[in-house]
Amino acid sequence: MADTDGITTQVLLTHMQGMEQRLTEKIEGVESRLNGKIDGVEARLEKRIDGVERKVDMALIQIGNIDERLDDLEVVQVPKLKKAVGMR
């Protein structure tokens, strides 16, 4: 089926295939860039999570140490002070 302007179905098909190829290349490029950015974000997030976990561990250790000192004060030191000053 030929047109008077010389545009045939073959010309249209070739043009559409070229457009499809360019669009596919663009999509793949965007996908590649996004994957790179996502990988970077995931790596930074993992690093931050590790840092937070370490800080939580340290805080739990410090809370445990404070609890031990308070227990010592309540169970050992205060009764000794009461006894020393003659309190019941």
PDB file of N, CA and C in Angstrom:
ATOM      1  N   MET A   1       0.851  -1.171   0.000  1.00  0.00           N
ATOM      2  CA  MET A   1       0.000   0.000   0.000  1.00  0.00           C
ATOM      3  C   MET A   1       0.892   1.228   0.000  1.00  0.00           C
ATOM      4  N   ALA A   2       1.045   1.863  -1.083  1.00  0.00           N
ATOM      5  CA  ALA A   2       1.936   3.010  -1.231  1.00  0.00           C
ATOM      6  C   ALA A   2       1.133   4.290  -1.158  1.00  0.00           C
ATOM      7  N   ASP A   3       1.741   5.278  -0.517  1.00  0.00           N
ATOM      8  CA  ASP A   3       1.137   6.602  -0.409  1.00  0.00           C
ATOM      9  C   ASP A   3       1.809   7.497  -1.439  1.00  0.00           C
ATOM     10  N   THR A   4       1.139   8.576  -1.806  1.00  0.00           N
ATOM     11  CA  THR A   4       1.722   9.481  -2.795  1.00  0.00           C
ATOM     12  C   THR A   4       2.944  10.207  -2.255  1.00  0.00           C
ATOM     13  N   ASP A   5       3.094  10.294  -0.933  1.00  0.00           N
ATOM     14  CA  ASP A   5       4.256  10.963  -0.329  1.00  0.00           C
ATOM     15  C   ASP A   5       5.427  10.013  -0.147  1.00  0.00           C
ATOM     16  N   GLY A   6       5.297   8.775  -0.523  1.00  0.00           N
ATOM     17  CA  GLY A   6       6.374   7.809  -0.419  1.00  0.00           C
ATOM     18  C   GLY A   6       6.447   7.123   0.936  1.00  0.00           C
ATOM     19  N   ILE A   7       5.426   7.306   1.785  1.00  0.00           N
ATOM     20  CA  ILE A   7       5.409   6.652   3.091  1.00  0.00           C
ATOM     21  C   ILE A   7       4.685   5.318   2.922  1.00  0.00           C
ATOM     22  N   THR A   8       5.447   4.274   3.066  1.00  0.00           N
ATOM     23  CA  THR A   8       4.878   2.934   2.922  1.00  0.00           C
ATOM     24  C   THR A   8       4.753   2.301   4.299  1.00  0.00           C
ATOM     25  N   THR A   9       4.083   1.187   4.343  1.00  0.00           N
ATOM     26  CA  THR A   9       3.977   0.474   5.615  1.00  0.00           C
ATOM     27  C   THR A   9       5.365   0.036   6.092  1.00  0.00           C
ATOM     28  N   GLN A  10       6.249  -0.261   5.178  1.00  0.00           N
ATOM     29  CA  GLN A  10       7.624  -0.642   5.542  1.00  0.00           C
ATOM     30  C   GLN A  10       8.344   0.526   6.199  1.00  0.00           C
ATOM     31  N   VAL A  11       8.174   1.733   5.654  1.00  0.00           N
ATOM     32  CA  VAL A  11       8.796   2.933   6.229  1.00  0.00           C
ATOM     33  C   VAL A  11       8.236   3.167   7.625  1.00  0.00           C
ATOM     34  N   LEU A  12       6.919   3.039   7.795  1.00  0.00           N
ATOM     35  CA  LEU A  12       6.292   3.222   9.106  1.00  0.00           C
ATOM     36  C   LEU A  12       6.809   2.183  10.100  1.00  0.00           C
ATOM     37  N   LEU A  13       6.903   0.933   9.666  1.00  0.00           N
ATOM     38  CA  LEU A  13       7.383  -0.136  10.534  1.00  0.00           C
ATOM     39  C   LEU A  13       8.822   0.135  10.970  1.00  0.00           C
ATOM     40  N   THR A  14       9.664   0.524  10.048  1.00  0.00           N
ATOM     41  CA  THR A  14      11.066   0.820  10.358  1.00  0.00           C
ATOM     42  C   THR A  14      11.155   1.978  11.347  1.00  0.00           C
ATOM     43  N   HIS A  15      10.352   2.997  11.110  1.00  0.00           N
ATOM     44  CA  HIS A  15      10.329   4.160  11.998  1.00  0.00           C
ATOM     45  C   HIS A  15       9.865   3.745  13.398  1.00  0.00           C
ATOM     46  N   MET A  16       8.828   2.954  13.492  1.00  0.00           N
ATOM     47  CA  MET A  16       8.304   2.513  14.782  1.00  0.00           C
ATOM     48  C   MET A  16       9.313   1.622  15.510  1.00  0.00           C
ATOM     49  N   GLN A  17      10.022   0.787  14.773  1.00  0.00           N
ATOM     50  CA  GLN A  17      11.043  -0.062  15.393  1.00  0.00           C
ATOM     51  C   GLN A  17      12.194   0.775  15.936  1.00  0.00           C
ATOM     52  N   GLY A  18      12.569   1.801  15.217  1.00  0.00           N
ATOM     53  CA  GLY A  18      13.606   2.712  15.692  1.00  0.00           C
ATOM     54  C   GLY A  18      13.167   3.434  16.952  1.00  0.00           C
ATOM     55  N   MET A  19      11.919   3.902  16.967  1.00  0.00           N
ATOM     56  CA  MET A  19      11.384   4.577  18.153  1.00  0.00           C
ATOM     57  C   MET A  19      11.358   3.622  19.344  1.00  0.00           C
ATOM     58  N   GLU A  20      10.951   2.383  19.108  1.00  0.00           N
ATOM     59  CA  GLU A  20      10.904   1.385  20.168  1.00  0.00           C
ATOM     60  C   GLU A  20      12.305   1.139  20.732  1.00  0.00           C
ATOM     61  N   GLN A  21      13.287   1.032  19.849  1.00  0.00           N
ATOM     62  CA  GLN A  21      14.662   0.792  20.290  1.00  0.00           C
ATOM     63  C   GLN A  21      15.175   1.959  21.128  1.00  0.00           C
ATOM     64  N   ARG A  22      14.933   3.192  20.679  1.00  0.00           N
ATOM     65  CA  ARG A  22      15.386   4.358  21.441  1.00  0.00           C
ATOM     66  C   ARG A  22      14.678   4.422  22.797  1.00  0.00           C
ATOM     67  N   LEU A  23      13.396   4.147  22.814  1.00  0.00           N
ATOM     68  CA  LEU A  23      12.638   4.170  24.066  1.00  0.00           C
ATOM     69  C   LEU A  23      13.144   3.090  25.026  1.00  0.00           C
ATOM     70  N   THR A  24      13.412   1.916  24.503  1.00  0.00           N
ATOM     71  CA  THR A  24      13.947   0.823  25.320  1.00  0.00           C
ATOM     72  C   THR A  24      15.303   1.207  25.905  1.00  0.00           C
ATOM     73  N   GLU A  25      16.164   1.823  25.114  1.00  0.00           N
ATOM     74  CA  GLU A  25      17.478   2.255  25.602  1.00  0.00           C
ATOM     75  C   GLU A  25      17.335   3.302  26.699  1.00  0.00           C
ATOM     76  N   LYS A  26      16.399   4.228  26.513  1.00  0.00           N
ATOM     77  CA  LYS A  26      16.167   5.263  27.541  1.00  0.00           C
ATOM     78  C   LYS A  26      15.695   4.618  28.840  1.00  0.00           C
ATOM     79  N   ILE A  27      14.737   3.712  28.723  1.00  0.00           N
ATOM     80  CA  ILE A  27      14.197   3.043  29.904  1.00  0.00           C
ATOM     81  C   ILE A  27      15.295   2.274  30.620  1.00  0.00           C
ATOM     82  N   GLU A  28      16.111   1.547  29.885  1.00  0.00           N
ATOM     83  CA  GLU A  28      17.204   0.782  30.483  1.00  0.00           C
ATOM     84  C   GLU A  28      18.216   1.698  31.161  1.00  0.00           C
ATOM     85  N   GLY A  29      18.489   2.851  30.562  1.00  0.00           N
ATOM     86  CA  GLY A  29      19.407   3.819  31.170  1.00  0.00           C
ATOM     87  C   GLY A  29      18.863   4.355  32.479  1.00  0.00           C
ATOM     88  N   VAL A  30      17.592   4.702  32.480  1.00  0.00           N
ATOM     89  CA  VAL A  30      16.960   5.215  33.708  1.00  0.00           C
ATOM     90  C   VAL A  30      16.950   4.121  34.769  1.00  0.00           C
ATOM     91  N   GLU A  31      16.611   2.912  34.361  1.00  0.00           N
ATOM     92  CA  GLU A  31      16.585   1.789  35.295  1.00  0.00           C
ATOM     93  C   GLU A  31      17.966   1.554  35.891  1.00  0.00           C
ATOM     94  N   SER A  32      18.988   1.630  35.079  1.00  0.00           N
ATOM     95  CA  SER A  32      20.354   1.427  35.557  1.00  0.00           C
ATOM     96  C   SER A  32      20.744   2.503  36.570  1.00  0.00           C
ATOM     97  N   ARG A  33      20.429   3.765  36.263  1.00  0.00           N
ATOM     98  CA  ARG A  33      20.753   4.855  37.192  1.00  0.00           C
ATOM     99  C   ARG A  33      19.987   4.695  38.502  1.00  0.00           C
ATOM    100  N   LEU A  34      18.705   4.333  38.403  1.00  0.00           N
ATOM    101  CA  LEU A  34      17.902   4.151  39.614  1.00  0.00           C
ATOM    102  C   LEU A  34      18.438   3.004  40.466  1.00  0.00           C
ATOM    103  N   ASN A  35      18.830   1.918  39.816  1.00  0.00           N
ATOM    104  CA  ASN A  35      19.387   0.795  40.568  1.00  0.00           C
ATOM    105  C   ASN A  35      20.661   1.209  41.290  1.00  0.00           C
ATOM    106  N   GLY A  36      21.490   2.002  40.635  1.00  0.00           N
ATOM    107  CA  GLY A  36      22.706   2.493  41.281  1.00  0.00           C
ATOM    108  C   GLY A  36      22.391   3.358  42.485  1.00  0.00           C
ATOM    109  N   LYS A  37      21.418   4.243  42.339  1.00  0.00           N
ATOM    110  CA  LYS A  37      21.041   5.109  43.457  1.00  0.00           C
ATOM    111  C   LYS A  37      20.428   4.307  44.592  1.00  0.00           C
ATOM    112  N   ILE A  38      19.582   3.346  44.259  1.00  0.00           N
ATOM    113  CA  ILE A  38      18.958   2.506  45.281  1.00  0.00           C
ATOM    114  C   ILE A  38      20.025   1.722  46.032  1.00  0.00           C
ATOM    115  N   ASP A  39      21.000   1.186  45.321  1.00  0.00           N
ATOM    116  CA  ASP A  39      22.089   0.450  45.968  1.00  0.00           C
ATOM    117  C   ASP A  39      22.837   1.352  46.946  1.00  0.00           C
ATOM    118  N   GLY A  40      23.088   2.595  46.536  1.00  0.00           N
ATOM    119  CA  GLY A  40      23.776   3.539  47.423  1.00  0.00           C
ATOM    120  C   GLY A  40      22.957   3.852  48.662  1.00  0.00           C
ATOM    121  N   VAL A  41      21.664   4.057  48.480  1.00  0.00           N
ATOM    122  CA  VAL A  41      20.782   4.357  49.614  1.00  0.00           C
ATOM    123  C   VAL A  41      20.730   3.161  50.564  1.00  0.00           C
ATOM    124  N   GLU A  42      20.619   1.963  50.010  1.00  0.00           N
ATOM    125  CA  GLU A  42      20.580   0.766  50.849  1.00  0.00           C
ATOM    126  C   GLU A  42      21.871   0.606  51.641  1.00  0.00           C
ATOM    127  N   ALA A  43      22.997   0.870  51.022  1.00  0.00           N
ATOM    128  CA  ALA A  43      24.288   0.747  51.719  1.00  0.00           C
ATOM    129  C   ALA A  43      24.374   1.758  52.861  1.00  0.00           C
ATOM    130  N   ARG A  44      23.967   3.004  52.593  1.00  0.00           N
ATOM    131  CA  ARG A  44      24.003   4.023  53.659  1.00  0.00           C
ATOM    132  C   ARG A  44      23.033   3.677  54.777  1.00  0.00           C
ATOM    133  N   LEU A  45      21.864   3.171  54.413  1.00  0.00           N
ATOM    134  CA  LEU A  45      20.867   2.805  55.416  1.00  0.00           C
ATOM    135  C   LEU A  45      21.365   1.660  56.286  1.00  0.00           C
ATOM    136  N   GLU A  46      21.988   0.685  55.673  1.00  0.00           N
ATOM    137  CA  GLU A  46      22.540  -0.449  56.432  1.00  0.00           C
ATOM    138  C   GLU A  46      23.613   0.030  57.401  1.00  0.00           C
ATOM    139  N   LYS A  47      24.451   0.948  56.946  1.00  0.00           N
ATOM    140  CA  LYS A  47      25.504   1.492  57.808  1.00  0.00           C
ATOM    141  C   LYS A  47      24.895   2.241  58.995  1.00  0.00           C
ATOM    142  N   ARG A  48      23.858   3.013  58.728  1.00  0.00           N
ATOM    143  CA  ARG A  48      23.204   3.761  59.813  1.00  0.00           C
ATOM    144  C   ARG A  48      22.516   2.823  60.793  1.00  0.00           C
ATOM    145  N   ILE A  49      21.883   1.784  60.276  1.00  0.00           N
ATOM    146  CA  ILE A  49      21.216   0.811  61.146  1.00  0.00           C
ATOM    147  C   ILE A  49      22.243   0.140  62.050  1.00  0.00           C
ATOM    148  N   ASP A  50      23.394  -0.222  61.488  1.00  0.00           N
ATOM    149  CA  ASP A  50      24.461  -0.823  62.293  1.00  0.00           C
ATOM    150  C   ASP A  50      24.904   0.134  63.399  1.00  0.00           C
ATOM    151  N   GLY A  51      25.044   1.404  63.055  1.00  0.00           N
ATOM    152  CA  GLY A  51      25.442   2.402  64.052  1.00  0.00           C
ATOM    153  C   GLY A  51      24.414   2.548  65.157  1.00  0.00           C
ATOM    154  N   VAL A  52      23.152   2.551  64.777  1.00  0.00           N
ATOM    155  CA  VAL A  52      22.078   2.668  65.777  1.00  0.00           C
ATOM    156  C   VAL A  52      22.063   1.433  66.675  1.00  0.00           C
ATOM    157  N   GLU A  53      22.238   0.265  66.078  1.00  0.00           N
ATOM    158  CA  GLU A  53      22.255  -0.962  66.882  1.00  0.00           C
ATOM    159  C   GLU A  53      23.396  -0.938  67.894  1.00  0.00           C
ATOM    160  N   ARG A  54      24.563  -0.443  67.475  1.00  0.00           N
ATOM    161  CA  ARG A  54      25.689  -0.342  68.422  1.00  0.00           C
ATOM    162  C   ARG A  54      25.364   0.628  69.555  1.00  0.00           C
ATOM    163  N   LYS A  55      24.747   1.751  69.212  1.00  0.00           N
ATOM    164  CA  LYS A  55      24.394   2.732  70.241  1.00  0.00           C
ATOM    165  C   LYS A  55      23.352   2.173  71.207  1.00  0.00           C
ATOM    166  N   VAL A  56      22.391   1.427  70.683  1.00  0.00           N
ATOM    167  CA  VAL A  56      21.382   0.805  71.548  1.00  0.00           C
ATOM    168  C   VAL A  56      22.057  -0.196  72.483  1.00  0.00           C
ATOM    169  N   ASP A  57      22.970  -1.001  71.949  1.00  0.00           N
ATOM    170  CA  ASP A  57      23.696  -1.959  72.788  1.00  0.00           C
ATOM    171  C   ASP A  57      24.452  -1.242  73.910  1.00  0.00           C
ATOM    172  N   MET A  58      25.130  -0.154  73.569  1.00  0.00           N
ATOM    173  CA  MET A  58      25.870   0.604  74.582  1.00  0.00           C
ATOM    174  C   MET A  58      24.921   1.194  75.629  1.00  0.00           C
ATOM    175  N   ALA A  59      23.784   1.707  75.176  1.00  0.00           N
ATOM    176  CA  ALA A  59      22.807   2.274  76.112  1.00  0.00           C
ATOM    177  C   ALA A  59      22.280   1.195  77.060  1.00  0.00           C
ATOM    178  N   LEU A  60      22.019   0.004  76.529  1.00  0.00           N
ATOM    179  CA  LEU A  60      21.541  -1.090  77.379  1.00  0.00           C
ATOM    180  C   LEU A  60      22.587  -1.492  78.412  1.00  0.00           C
ATOM    181  N   ILE A  61      23.856  -1.495  78.008  1.00  0.00           N
ATOM    182  CA  ILE A  61      24.934  -1.807  78.955  1.00  0.00           C
ATOM    183  C   ILE A  61      24.992  -0.734  80.039  1.00  0.00           C
ATOM    184  N   GLN A  62      24.898   0.533  79.642  1.00  0.00           N
ATOM    185  CA  GLN A  62      24.949   1.622  80.618  1.00  0.00           C
ATOM    186  C   GLN A  62      23.768   1.566  81.574  1.00  0.00           C
ATOM    187  N   ILE A  63      22.581   1.241  81.051  1.00  0.00           N
ATOM    188  CA  ILE A  63      21.395   1.114  81.914  1.00  0.00           C
ATOM    189  C   ILE A  63      21.598  -0.031  82.902  1.00  0.00           C
ATOM    190  N   GLY A  64      22.161  -1.137  82.413  1.00  0.00           N
ATOM    191  CA  GLY A  64      22.448  -2.269  83.308  1.00  0.00           C
ATOM    192  C   GLY A  64      23.419  -1.885  84.406  1.00  0.00           C
ATOM    193  N   ASN A  65      24.447  -1.114  84.033  1.00  0.00           N
ATOM    194  CA  ASN A  65      25.426  -0.670  85.038  1.00  0.00           C
ATOM    195  C   ASN A  65      24.785   0.257  86.066  1.00  0.00           C
ATOM    196  N   ILE A  66      23.939   1.158  85.628  1.00  0.00           N
ATOM    197  CA  ILE A  66      23.244   2.071  86.549  1.00  0.00           C
ATOM    198  C   ILE A  66      22.340   1.272  87.476  1.00  0.00           C
ATOM    199  N   ASP A  67      21.643   0.285  86.915  1.00  0.00           N
ATOM    200  CA  ASP A  67      20.756  -0.557  87.721  1.00  0.00           C
ATOM    201  C   ASP A  67      21.541  -1.284  88.804  1.00  0.00           C
ATOM    202  N   GLU A  68      22.719  -1.803  88.448  1.00  0.00           N
ATOM    203  CA  GLU A  68      23.561  -2.488  89.444  1.00  0.00           C
ATOM    204  C   GLU A  68      23.994  -1.532  90.545  1.00  0.00           C
ATOM    205  N   ARG A  69      24.373  -0.317  90.169  1.00  0.00           N
ATOM    206  CA  ARG A  69      24.797   0.659  91.185  1.00  0.00           C
ATOM    207  C   ARG A  69      23.632   1.045  92.090  1.00  0.00           C
ATOM    208  N   LEU A  70      22.437   1.212  91.511  1.00  0.00           N
ATOM    209  CA  LEU A  70      21.268   1.539  92.333  1.00  0.00           C
ATOM    210  C   LEU A  70      20.922   0.391  93.272  1.00  0.00           C
ATOM    211  N   ASP A  71      21.025  -0.838  92.780  1.00  0.00           N
ATOM    212  CA  ASP A  71      20.789  -2.000  93.643  1.00  0.00           C
ATOM    213  C   ASP A  71      21.781  -2.011  94.798  1.00  0.00           C
ATOM    214  N   ASP A  72      23.054  -1.725  94.500  1.00  0.00           N
ATOM    215  CA  ASP A  72      24.075  -1.689  95.542  1.00  0.00           C
ATOM    216  C   ASP A  72      23.746  -0.615  96.579  1.00  0.00           C
ATOM    217  N   LEU A  73      23.325   0.549  96.099  1.00  0.00           N
ATOM    218  CA  LEU A  73      22.959   1.614  97.038  1.00  0.00           C
ATOM    219  C   LEU A  73      21.775   1.203  97.903  1.00  0.00           C
ATOM    220  N   GLU A  74      20.758   0.643  97.266  1.00  0.00           N
ATOM    221  CA  GLU A  74      19.533   0.299  97.978  1.00  0.00           C
ATOM    222  C   GLU A  74      19.738  -0.868  98.946  1.00  0.00           C
ATOM    223  N   VAL A  75      20.467  -1.873  98.511  1.00  0.00           N
ATOM    224  CA  VAL A  75      20.585  -3.101  99.294  1.00  0.00           C
ATOM    225  C   VAL A  75      21.767  -3.064 100.264  1.00  0.00           C
ATOM    226  N   VAL A  76      22.877  -2.428  99.882  1.00  0.00           N
ATOM    227  CA  VAL A  76      24.090  -2.503 100.700  1.00  0.00           C
ATOM    228  C   VAL A  76      24.396  -1.173 101.387  1.00  0.00           C
ATOM    229  N   GLN A  77      24.540  -0.118 100.609  1.00  0.00           N
ATOM    230  CA  GLN A  77      25.056   1.141 101.161  1.00  0.00           C
ATOM    231  C   GLN A  77      24.076   1.834 102.106  1.00  0.00           C
ATOM    232  N   VAL A  78      22.800   1.959 101.704  1.00  0.00           N
ATOM    233  CA  VAL A  78      21.831   2.664 102.556  1.00  0.00           C
ATOM    234  C   VAL A  78      21.642   1.935 103.891  1.00  0.00           C
ATOM    235  N   PRO A  79      21.487   0.610 103.885  1.00  0.00           N
ATOM    236  CA  PRO A  79      21.381  -0.054 105.197  1.00  0.00           C
ATOM    237  C   PRO A  79      22.622   0.159 106.074  1.00  0.00           C
ATOM    238  N   LYS A  80      23.818   0.174 105.471  1.00  0.00           N
ATOM    239  CA  LYS A  80      25.039   0.435 106.240  1.00  0.00           C
ATOM    240  C   LYS A  80      25.002   1.841 106.831  1.00  0.00           C
ATOM    241  N   LEU A  81      24.564   2.827 106.027  1.00  0.00           N
ATOM    242  CA  LEU A  81      24.482   4.199 106.543  1.00  0.00           C
ATOM    243  C   LEU A  81      23.460   4.314 107.659  1.00  0.00           C
ATOM    244  N   LYS A  82      22.322   3.665 107.490  1.00  0.00           N
ATOM    245  CA  LYS A  82      21.279   3.698 108.543  1.00  0.00           C
ATOM    246  C   LYS A  82      21.812   3.101 109.839  1.00  0.00           C
ATOM    247  N   LYS A  83      22.512   1.983 109.705  1.00  0.00           N
ATOM    248  CA  LYS A  83      23.070   1.328 110.877  1.00  0.00           C
ATOM    249  C   LYS A  83      24.121   2.207 111.524  1.00  0.00           C
ATOM    250  N   ALA A  84      24.919   2.882 110.709  1.00  0.00           N
ATOM    251  CA  ALA A  84      25.987   3.736 111.246  1.00  0.00           C
ATOM    252  C   ALA A  84      25.432   4.927 112.005  1.00  0.00           C
ATOM    253  N   VAL A  85      24.312   5.455 111.571  1.00  0.00           N
ATOM    254  CA  VAL A  85      23.755   6.634 112.265  1.00  0.00           C
ATOM    255  C   VAL A  85      22.670   6.245 113.236  1.00  0.00           C
ATOM    256  N   GLY A  86      22.417   4.964 113.379  1.00  0.00           N
ATOM    257  CA  GLY A  86      21.462   4.476 114.376  1.00  0.00           C
ATOM    258  C   GLY A  86      20.018   4.536 113.928  1.00  0.00           C
ATOM    259  N   MET A  87      19.766   4.530 112.656  1.00  0.00           N
ATOM    260  CA  MET A  87      18.388   4.525 112.149  1.00  0.00           C
ATOM    261  C   MET A  87      17.949   3.095 111.922  1.00  0.00           C
ATOM    262  N   ARG A  88      16.662   2.903 111.906  1.00  0.00           N
ATOM    263  CA  ARG A  88      16.142   1.564 111.637  1.00  0.00           C
ATOM    264  C   ARG A  88      15.806   1.400 110.206  1.00  0.00           C
TER     265      ARG A  88
END
